[in-house]
Amino acid sequence: MTLFLDTSVLLSACGSERGASRHVCDCGTDHGWRLITSGYGRNETLRNLPRLGPQGLGAWDKSVEPRIEFVPDLISFDKALVFEKAKDRPVLISALAANADVLLTLDRADFHRTLGP
């Protein structure tokens, strides 16, 4: 199963070593999951990591980034897409283009209305 990890999940994984997001990163391969994100997600994570302090940066380098596969960024798609949040379109489009089985996000405010619970 391929899981596309949104920036919110990546940051959460870096911020708490006991949370569900870190568990997904730590145990993903044990479950046969392919953990992916895009370069856009990587850059957005790196831009926000300093807010977590040295612990977050260390977690990214040692525990999170090595387990993630980076897929190409896509900003256009060959199908109609109605999604209001411009900043999250590259996330959704890249997840669809990578044939991800799951888009894992903690961003309920932006994704909930379009994708549902």
N, C-alpha and C. Protein backbone atom coordinates (compact mmCIF):
# COMPACT_ATOMS: atom_id res chain seq x y z
N MET A 1 0.84 -1.17 0.00
CA MET A 1 0.00 0.00 0.00
C MET A 1 0.89 1.23 0.00
N THR A 2 0.54 2.21 -0.82
CA THR A 2 1.29 3.45 -0.92
C THR A 2 0.57 4.55 -0.16
N LEU A 3 1.28 5.16 0.79
CA LEU A 3 0.74 6.26 1.59
C LEU A 3 1.46 7.54 1.21
N PHE A 4 0.71 8.53 0.77
CA PHE A 4 1.27 9.85 0.49
C PHE A 4 1.13 10.65 1.77
N LEU A 5 2.25 11.10 2.32
CA LEU A 5 2.25 11.84 3.58
C LEU A 5 2.27 13.33 3.33
N ASP A 6 1.26 14.00 3.83
CA ASP A 6 1.17 15.46 3.75
C ASP A 6 2.17 16.07 4.74
N THR A 7 2.48 17.32 4.54
CA THR A 7 3.41 18.03 5.42
C THR A 7 2.98 17.96 6.87
N SER A 8 1.69 18.03 7.13
CA SER A 8 1.21 18.00 8.52
C SER A 8 1.62 16.70 9.21
N VAL A 9 1.59 15.60 8.49
CA VAL A 9 1.99 14.30 9.05
C VAL A 9 3.51 14.27 9.25
N LEU A 10 4.25 14.78 8.30
CA LEU A 10 5.71 14.80 8.41
C LEU A 10 6.16 15.65 9.60
N LEU A 11 5.54 16.81 9.76
CA LEU A 11 5.89 17.67 10.89
C LEU A 11 5.50 17.04 12.22
N SER A 12 4.35 16.41 12.24
CA SER A 12 3.91 15.73 13.46
C SER A 12 4.87 14.59 13.82
N ALA A 13 5.33 13.87 12.81
CA ALA A 13 6.29 12.78 13.04
C ALA A 13 7.60 13.31 13.62
N CYS A 14 7.98 14.50 13.21
CA CYS A 14 9.21 15.11 13.72
C CYS A 14 9.01 15.70 15.11
N GLY A 15 7.80 16.10 15.40
CA GLY A 15 7.52 16.78 16.67
C GLY A 15 7.27 15.87 17.84
N SER A 16 6.88 14.63 17.59
CA SER A 16 6.57 13.72 18.68
C SER A 16 7.00 12.30 18.33
N GLU A 17 7.92 11.77 19.10
CA GLU A 17 8.40 10.41 18.82
C GLU A 17 7.41 9.34 19.26
N ARG A 18 6.37 9.71 19.98
CA ARG A 18 5.39 8.73 20.44
C ARG A 18 4.03 8.86 19.76
N GLY A 19 3.91 9.75 18.82
CA GLY A 19 2.64 9.96 18.15
C GLY A 19 2.39 8.99 17.01
N ALA A 20 1.18 9.02 16.51
CA ALA A 20 0.78 8.13 15.42
C ALA A 20 1.55 8.41 14.14
N SER A 21 1.84 9.69 13.87
CA SER A 21 2.57 10.02 12.65
C SER A 21 3.97 9.42 12.65
N ARG A 22 4.65 9.48 13.78
CA ARG A 22 5.99 8.87 13.87
C ARG A 22 5.87 7.35 13.76
N HIS A 23 4.82 6.80 14.34
CA HIS A 23 4.62 5.35 14.26
C HIS A 23 4.47 4.91 12.80
N VAL A 24 3.74 5.69 12.02
CA VAL A 24 3.59 5.38 10.59
C VAL A 24 4.96 5.37 9.92
N CYS A 25 5.78 6.37 10.23
CA CYS A 25 7.12 6.43 9.62
C CYS A 25 8.03 5.32 10.12
N ASP A 26 7.98 5.05 11.41
CA ASP A 26 8.86 4.03 11.99
C ASP A 26 8.50 2.61 11.56
N CYS A 27 7.22 2.34 11.42
CA CYS A 27 6.77 0.97 11.18
C CYS A 27 6.23 0.73 9.77
N GLY A 28 6.24 1.74 8.95
CA GLY A 28 5.65 1.63 7.62
C GLY A 28 6.18 0.47 6.81
N THR A 29 7.48 0.33 6.75
CA THR A 29 8.05 -0.74 5.94
C THR A 29 7.76 -2.11 6.55
N ASP A 30 7.63 -2.17 7.88
CA ASP A 30 7.27 -3.43 8.53
C ASP A 30 5.90 -3.92 8.08
N HIS A 31 5.05 -2.98 7.73
CA HIS A 31 3.69 -3.30 7.28
C HIS A 31 3.60 -3.40 5.76
N GLY A 32 4.72 -3.19 5.09
CA GLY A 32 4.73 -3.24 3.63
C GLY A 32 4.22 -1.97 2.98
N TRP A 33 4.23 -0.88 3.73
CA TRP A 33 3.76 0.40 3.19
C TRP A 33 4.90 1.11 2.49
N ARG A 34 4.57 1.73 1.39
CA ARG A 34 5.50 2.62 0.67
C ARG A 34 5.13 4.04 1.09
N LEU A 35 6.04 4.72 1.77
CA LEU A 35 5.79 6.07 2.27
C LEU A 35 6.37 7.08 1.29
N ILE A 36 5.51 7.94 0.76
CA ILE A 36 5.95 8.90 -0.24
C ILE A 36 5.46 10.30 0.11
N THR A 37 6.14 11.27 -0.43
CA THR A 37 5.69 12.66 -0.46
C THR A 37 6.37 13.29 -1.66
N SER A 38 6.01 14.51 -1.93
CA SER A 38 6.60 15.20 -3.09
C SER A 38 7.71 16.15 -2.62
N GLY A 39 8.45 16.66 -3.57
CA GLY A 39 9.44 17.68 -3.26
C GLY A 39 8.80 18.90 -2.63
N TYR A 40 7.60 19.22 -3.08
CA TYR A 40 6.83 20.33 -2.48
C TYR A 40 6.61 20.06 -0.99
N GLY A 41 6.20 18.84 -0.65
CA GLY A 41 5.99 18.47 0.75
C GLY A 41 7.27 18.52 1.54
N ARG A 42 8.35 18.06 0.93
CA ARG A 42 9.66 18.11 1.59
C ARG A 42 10.05 19.56 1.88
N ASN A 43 9.93 20.42 0.88
CA ASN A 43 10.31 21.82 1.06
C ASN A 43 9.44 22.52 2.10
N GLU A 44 8.16 22.22 2.09
CA GLU A 44 7.25 22.82 3.07
C GLU A 44 7.59 22.33 4.48
N THR A 45 7.96 21.07 4.59
CA THR A 45 8.37 20.53 5.89
C THR A 45 9.65 21.21 6.36
N LEU A 46 10.64 21.31 5.49
CA LEU A 46 11.90 21.94 5.87
C LEU A 46 11.72 23.41 6.25
N ARG A 47 10.79 24.07 5.59
CA ARG A 47 10.52 25.48 5.90
C ARG A 47 9.92 25.63 7.29
N ASN A 48 9.11 24.66 7.73
CA ASN A 48 8.43 24.74 9.02
C ASN A 48 9.15 24.02 10.16
N LEU A 49 10.12 23.19 9.85
CA LEU A 49 10.84 22.44 10.88
C LEU A 49 11.49 23.30 11.96
N PRO A 50 12.06 24.47 11.65
CA PRO A 50 12.69 25.26 12.71
C PRO A 50 11.74 25.60 13.86
N ARG A 51 10.45 25.62 13.61
CA ARG A 51 9.48 25.89 14.69
C ARG A 51 9.49 24.79 15.75
N LEU A 52 9.96 23.61 15.37
CA LEU A 52 10.00 22.48 16.30
C LEU A 52 11.29 22.43 17.09
N GLY A 53 12.25 23.27 16.74
CA GLY A 53 13.52 23.30 17.45
C GLY A 53 14.46 22.20 17.03
N PRO A 54 15.58 22.08 17.73
CA PRO A 54 16.61 21.10 17.37
C PRO A 54 16.09 19.66 17.38
N GLN A 55 15.17 19.34 18.28
CA GLN A 55 14.63 17.98 18.35
C GLN A 55 13.91 17.62 17.05
N GLY A 56 13.14 18.55 16.51
CA GLY A 56 12.43 18.31 15.26
C GLY A 56 13.37 18.13 14.09
N LEU A 57 14.39 18.96 14.03
CA LEU A 57 15.38 18.84 12.96
C LEU A 57 16.12 17.50 13.04
N GLY A 58 16.48 17.10 14.25
CA GLY A 58 17.16 15.82 14.43
C GLY A 58 16.27 14.64 14.04
N ALA A 59 15.00 14.74 14.40
CA ALA A 59 14.05 13.67 14.05
C ALA A 59 13.89 13.56 12.54
N TRP A 60 13.85 14.69 11.85
CA TRP A 60 13.74 14.68 10.39
C TRP A 60 14.93 13.96 9.79
N ASP A 61 16.12 14.34 10.21
CA ASP A 61 17.35 13.77 9.64
C ASP A 61 17.52 12.29 9.94
N LYS A 62 17.16 11.86 11.14
CA LYS A 62 17.46 10.49 11.57
C LYS A 62 16.29 9.52 11.42
N SER A 63 15.07 9.99 11.65
CA SER A 63 13.95 9.06 11.75
C SER A 63 12.91 9.17 10.64
N VAL A 64 12.76 10.35 10.07
CA VAL A 64 11.66 10.54 9.13
C VAL A 64 12.15 10.53 7.68
N GLU A 65 13.01 11.47 7.32
CA GLU A 65 13.43 11.60 5.91
C GLU A 65 14.00 10.31 5.32
N PRO A 66 14.81 9.55 6.06
CA PRO A 66 15.36 8.33 5.45
C PRO A 66 14.32 7.29 5.06
N ARG A 67 13.13 7.39 5.61
CA ARG A 67 12.08 6.40 5.33
C ARG A 67 11.11 6.84 4.24
N ILE A 68 11.28 8.05 3.76
CA ILE A 68 10.34 8.62 2.80
C ILE A 68 10.93 8.59 1.40
N GLU A 69 10.12 8.23 0.44
CA GLU A 69 10.49 8.29 -0.97
C GLU A 69 9.88 9.57 -1.54
N PHE A 70 10.68 10.32 -2.27
CA PHE A 70 10.20 11.57 -2.84
C PHE A 70 9.80 11.37 -4.29
N VAL A 71 8.58 11.74 -4.60
CA VAL A 71 8.04 11.60 -5.96
C VAL A 71 8.00 12.98 -6.61
N PRO A 72 7.93 13.01 -7.94
CA PRO A 72 7.91 14.31 -8.63
C PRO A 72 6.71 15.16 -8.24
N ASP A 73 6.96 16.45 -8.22
CA ASP A 73 5.88 17.42 -8.02
C ASP A 73 5.10 17.55 -9.31
N LEU A 74 3.80 17.60 -9.20
CA LEU A 74 2.96 17.89 -10.36
C LEU A 74 2.04 19.03 -9.99
N ILE A 75 1.88 19.97 -10.91
CA ILE A 75 0.99 21.09 -10.63
C ILE A 75 -0.17 21.15 -11.59
N SER A 76 -0.21 20.22 -12.53
CA SER A 76 -1.37 20.12 -13.41
C SER A 76 -1.74 18.66 -13.53
N PHE A 77 -2.97 18.42 -13.91
CA PHE A 77 -3.49 17.07 -13.93
C PHE A 77 -4.37 16.93 -15.15
N ASP A 78 -4.47 15.73 -15.70
CA ASP A 78 -5.24 15.54 -16.92
C ASP A 78 -6.73 15.30 -16.68
N LYS A 79 -7.18 15.48 -15.43
CA LYS A 79 -8.60 15.34 -15.09
C LYS A 79 -9.08 16.62 -14.42
N ALA A 80 -10.37 16.82 -14.43
CA ALA A 80 -10.93 18.00 -13.74
C ALA A 80 -10.73 17.84 -12.24
N LEU A 81 -10.35 18.93 -11.59
CA LEU A 81 -10.12 18.92 -10.15
C LEU A 81 -10.72 20.17 -9.55
N VAL A 82 -11.64 19.99 -8.65
CA VAL A 82 -12.25 21.12 -7.95
C VAL A 82 -11.74 21.07 -6.52
N PHE A 83 -10.81 21.93 -6.22
CA PHE A 83 -10.20 21.97 -4.90
C PHE A 83 -9.80 23.41 -4.64
N GLU A 84 -10.42 24.04 -3.67
CA GLU A 84 -10.27 25.48 -3.46
C GLU A 84 -8.90 25.92 -2.98
N LYS A 85 -8.29 25.17 -2.09
CA LYS A 85 -7.05 25.62 -1.47
C LYS A 85 -5.86 25.49 -2.42
N ALA A 86 -5.42 26.60 -2.96
CA ALA A 86 -4.33 26.58 -3.94
C ALA A 86 -3.05 25.98 -3.36
N LYS A 87 -2.76 26.28 -2.08
CA LYS A 87 -1.51 25.77 -1.50
C LYS A 87 -1.52 24.26 -1.34
N ASP A 88 -2.68 23.65 -1.30
CA ASP A 88 -2.77 22.19 -1.14
C ASP A 88 -3.00 21.45 -2.44
N ARG A 89 -3.23 22.15 -3.52
CA ARG A 89 -3.42 21.47 -4.81
C ARG A 89 -2.23 20.62 -5.21
N PRO A 90 -0.99 21.12 -5.07
CA PRO A 90 0.15 20.27 -5.45
C PRO A 90 0.22 18.98 -4.64
N VAL A 91 -0.24 19.02 -3.39
CA VAL A 91 -0.25 17.82 -2.56
C VAL A 91 -1.23 16.81 -3.14
N LEU A 92 -2.44 17.24 -3.38
CA LEU A 92 -3.47 16.35 -3.91
C LEU A 92 -3.11 15.83 -5.30
N ILE A 93 -2.67 16.70 -6.16
CA ILE A 93 -2.33 16.30 -7.53
C ILE A 93 -1.14 15.34 -7.55
N SER A 94 -0.13 15.62 -6.74
CA SER A 94 1.04 14.72 -6.69
C SER A 94 0.65 13.36 -6.13
N ALA A 95 -0.23 13.34 -5.13
CA ALA A 95 -0.68 12.06 -4.57
C ALA A 95 -1.45 11.25 -5.61
N LEU A 96 -2.32 11.92 -6.36
CA LEU A 96 -3.07 11.24 -7.41
C LEU A 96 -2.15 10.74 -8.52
N ALA A 97 -1.21 11.57 -8.94
CA ALA A 97 -0.29 11.20 -10.02
C ALA A 97 0.61 10.04 -9.62
N ALA A 98 0.94 9.95 -8.33
CA ALA A 98 1.81 8.86 -7.85
C ALA A 98 1.02 7.58 -7.58
N ASN A 99 -0.28 7.62 -7.86
CA ASN A 99 -1.16 6.47 -7.62
C ASN A 99 -1.15 6.02 -6.17
N ALA A 100 -1.10 7.00 -5.25
CA ALA A 100 -1.13 6.68 -3.82
C ALA A 100 -2.49 6.07 -3.47
N ASP A 101 -2.45 5.07 -2.63
CA ASP A 101 -3.69 4.45 -2.15
C ASP A 101 -4.35 5.32 -1.09
N VAL A 102 -3.52 6.06 -0.35
CA VAL A 102 -4.00 6.87 0.76
C VAL A 102 -3.26 8.20 0.75
N LEU A 103 -4.00 9.28 0.97
CA LEU A 103 -3.40 10.59 1.24
C LEU A 103 -3.59 10.81 2.73
N LEU A 104 -2.51 10.73 3.48
CA LEU A 104 -2.57 10.87 4.92
C LEU A 104 -2.26 12.31 5.29
N THR A 105 -3.23 12.97 5.92
CA THR A 105 -3.08 14.36 6.32
C THR A 105 -3.73 14.57 7.67
N LEU A 106 -3.27 15.56 8.39
CA LEU A 106 -3.89 15.99 9.63
C LEU A 106 -4.61 17.31 9.41
N ASP A 107 -4.64 17.78 8.19
CA ASP A 107 -5.19 19.08 7.81
C ASP A 107 -6.68 18.95 7.50
N ARG A 108 -7.46 18.79 8.53
CA ARG A 108 -8.91 18.62 8.36
C ARG A 108 -9.57 19.88 7.79
N ALA A 109 -9.06 21.04 8.15
CA ALA A 109 -9.70 22.28 7.71
C ALA A 109 -9.70 22.41 6.20
N ASP A 110 -8.59 22.07 5.56
CA ASP A 110 -8.50 22.26 4.10
C ASP A 110 -8.98 21.06 3.29
N PHE A 111 -8.76 19.85 3.78
CA PHE A 111 -9.08 18.67 3.00
C PHE A 111 -10.46 18.08 3.31
N HIS A 112 -10.97 18.32 4.49
CA HIS A 112 -12.22 17.66 4.92
C HIS A 112 -13.40 17.98 4.01
N ARG A 113 -13.57 19.23 3.66
CA ARG A 113 -14.74 19.63 2.87
C ARG A 113 -14.74 18.95 1.49
N THR A 114 -13.58 18.83 0.90
CA THR A 114 -13.50 18.24 -0.44
C THR A 114 -13.45 16.72 -0.42
N LEU A 115 -12.65 16.16 0.48
CA LEU A 115 -12.43 14.73 0.47
C LEU A 115 -13.33 13.96 1.44
N GLY A 116 -13.90 14.65 2.40
CA GLY A 116 -14.79 14.00 3.35
C GLY A 116 -14.02 13.40 4.53
N PRO A 117 -14.76 12.86 5.50
CA PRO A 117 -14.14 12.33 6.72
C PRO A 117 -13.32 11.07 6.45
